């Protein structure tokens, strides 16, 4: 009898693993820090096809948007409660900076979440 030691969905999403087997990474290793993230075409372990059809990841934009909104709200709350003397402009610039800072991670994370939700 084979045991299934596949990690749960939340762990697979955070680690960027395949939605089917949970072992291989979805994105290729980056050559340098400023290169655009490249997805693998299939899983190295189970052969799961990541990109189903042209336009498949258009829906991932909604997840990316939701992540950016969540980060914006959390940043605003931190600024509002911990730094009440900050001006509105300073708070806005900090929020924009946080969204830009996390845009790279949001891109990858939103695609992985989308595959886990709508991948089967």
Protein backbone atom coordinates (compact mmCIF):
# COMPACT_ATOMS: atom_id res chain seq x y z
CA UNK A 1 0.00 0.00 0.00
CA UNK A 2 1.39 3.40 -1.05
CA UNK A 3 1.14 6.28 1.40
CA UNK A 4 0.35 9.77 0.14
CA UNK A 5 2.70 12.19 1.88
CA UNK A 6 1.73 15.12 -0.33
CA UNK A 7 1.73 18.42 1.61
CA UNK A 8 -1.56 20.29 2.01
CA UNK A 9 -2.69 22.89 -0.53
CA UNK A 10 -1.64 25.93 1.51
CA UNK A 11 1.89 24.57 1.91
CA UNK A 12 2.12 23.73 -1.81
CA UNK A 13 0.94 27.22 -2.77
CA UNK A 14 3.39 29.01 -0.48
CA UNK A 15 6.28 26.81 -1.63
CA UNK A 16 5.30 27.18 -5.31
CA UNK A 17 4.84 23.48 -5.92
CA UNK A 18 2.83 21.50 -8.48
CA UNK A 19 -0.92 21.38 -7.72
CA UNK A 20 -1.13 17.69 -8.62
CA UNK A 21 1.87 16.00 -6.98
CA UNK A 22 3.13 18.79 -4.70
CA UNK A 23 6.79 17.95 -5.32
CA UNK A 24 8.25 19.94 -8.23
CA UNK A 25 8.44 23.72 -8.45
CA UNK A 26 6.17 25.51 -10.94
CA UNK A 27 8.65 28.27 -11.82
CA UNK A 28 12.20 27.89 -13.10
CA UNK A 29 15.13 29.14 -11.03
CA UNK A 30 15.97 32.77 -11.79
CA UNK A 31 19.24 33.51 -13.57
CA UNK A 32 19.39 36.93 -11.92
CA UNK A 33 17.27 39.03 -9.61
CA UNK A 34 15.77 41.25 -12.32
CA UNK A 35 14.73 38.59 -14.84
CA UNK A 36 11.04 37.92 -15.47
CA UNK A 37 9.78 34.70 -13.82
CA UNK A 38 9.49 31.79 -16.25
CA UNK A 39 7.04 28.95 -15.68
CA UNK A 40 7.91 25.40 -16.57
CA UNK A 41 5.65 23.86 -19.21
CA UNK A 42 5.10 20.63 -17.30
CA UNK A 43 5.84 19.22 -13.87
CA UNK A 44 9.22 17.49 -13.63
CA UNK A 45 7.78 14.73 -11.43
CA UNK A 46 4.24 13.91 -12.61
CA UNK A 47 4.08 15.58 -16.05
CA UNK A 48 1.15 17.86 -15.11
CA UNK A 49 0.72 20.55 -17.78
CA UNK A 50 0.79 23.96 -16.08
CA UNK A 51 -0.38 26.17 -18.95
CA UNK A 52 -3.63 24.66 -20.21
CA UNK A 53 -4.46 26.94 -23.14
CA UNK A 54 -3.78 30.47 -24.41
CA UNK A 55 -5.26 32.95 -21.98
CA UNK A 56 -5.58 30.37 -19.19
CA UNK A 57 -3.98 32.67 -16.61
CA UNK A 58 -6.13 35.73 -17.32
CA UNK A 59 -8.19 34.77 -14.29
CA UNK A 60 -5.04 34.86 -12.14
CA UNK A 61 -5.15 38.65 -12.46
CA UNK A 62 -8.08 38.67 -10.03
CA UNK A 63 -6.00 36.84 -7.44
CA UNK A 64 -3.11 39.24 -8.03
CA UNK A 65 -5.45 42.19 -7.61
CA UNK A 66 -6.86 40.72 -4.38
CA UNK A 67 -3.36 40.22 -2.99
CA UNK A 68 -2.41 43.82 -3.84
CA UNK A 69 -5.59 45.16 -2.21
CA UNK A 70 -4.95 43.09 0.92
CA UNK A 71 -1.37 44.36 1.11
CA UNK A 72 -2.57 47.94 0.61
CA UNK A 73 -5.14 47.68 3.39
CA UNK A 74 -2.65 46.10 5.80
CA UNK A 75 -0.04 48.76 4.97
CA UNK A 76 -2.60 51.52 5.52
CA UNK A 77 -3.62 50.07 8.88
CA UNK A 78 0.01 49.82 10.01
CA UNK A 79 0.66 53.42 8.95
CA UNK A 80 -2.56 54.66 10.53
CA UNK A 81 -2.18 52.98 13.92
CA UNK A 82 1.60 52.90 14.40
CA UNK A 83 2.56 56.15 12.64
CA UNK A 84 -0.40 58.52 13.10
CA UNK A 85 1.73 61.61 12.36
CA UNK A 86 2.36 60.53 8.76
CA UNK A 87 0.76 62.71 6.14
CA UNK A 88 -1.73 61.34 3.65
CA UNK A 89 0.79 61.71 0.83
CA UNK A 90 3.48 59.82 2.76
CA UNK A 91 1.02 57.03 3.54
CA UNK A 92 0.00 56.83 -0.11
CA UNK A 93 3.64 56.66 -1.26
CA UNK A 94 4.38 53.91 1.26
CA UNK A 95 1.36 51.92 0.06
CA UNK A 96 2.47 52.29 -3.58
CA UNK A 97 5.98 51.21 -2.60
CA UNK A 98 4.68 48.10 -0.84
CA UNK A 99 2.51 47.13 -3.82
CA UNK A 100 5.46 47.57 -6.20
CA UNK A 101 7.76 45.67 -3.84
CA UNK A 102 5.43 42.68 -3.73
CA UNK A 103 4.36 42.74 -7.41
CA UNK A 104 6.95 40.12 -8.42
CA UNK A 105 5.85 37.71 -5.68
CA UNK A 106 2.17 38.41 -6.37
CA UNK A 107 2.64 37.48 -10.04
CA UNK A 108 4.01 34.07 -9.16
CA UNK A 109 1.70 33.47 -6.22
CA UNK A 110 -1.46 34.41 -8.14
CA UNK A 111 -0.67 31.93 -10.92
CA UNK A 112 0.02 29.16 -8.44
CA UNK A 113 -3.20 29.90 -6.51
CA UNK A 114 -5.14 29.92 -9.78
CA UNK A 115 -3.76 26.52 -10.76
CA UNK A 116 -4.66 25.07 -7.37
CA UNK A 117 -8.20 26.43 -7.51
CA UNK A 118 -9.01 25.80 -11.20
CA UNK A 119 -6.33 23.33 -12.26
CA UNK A 120 -8.05 19.97 -12.31
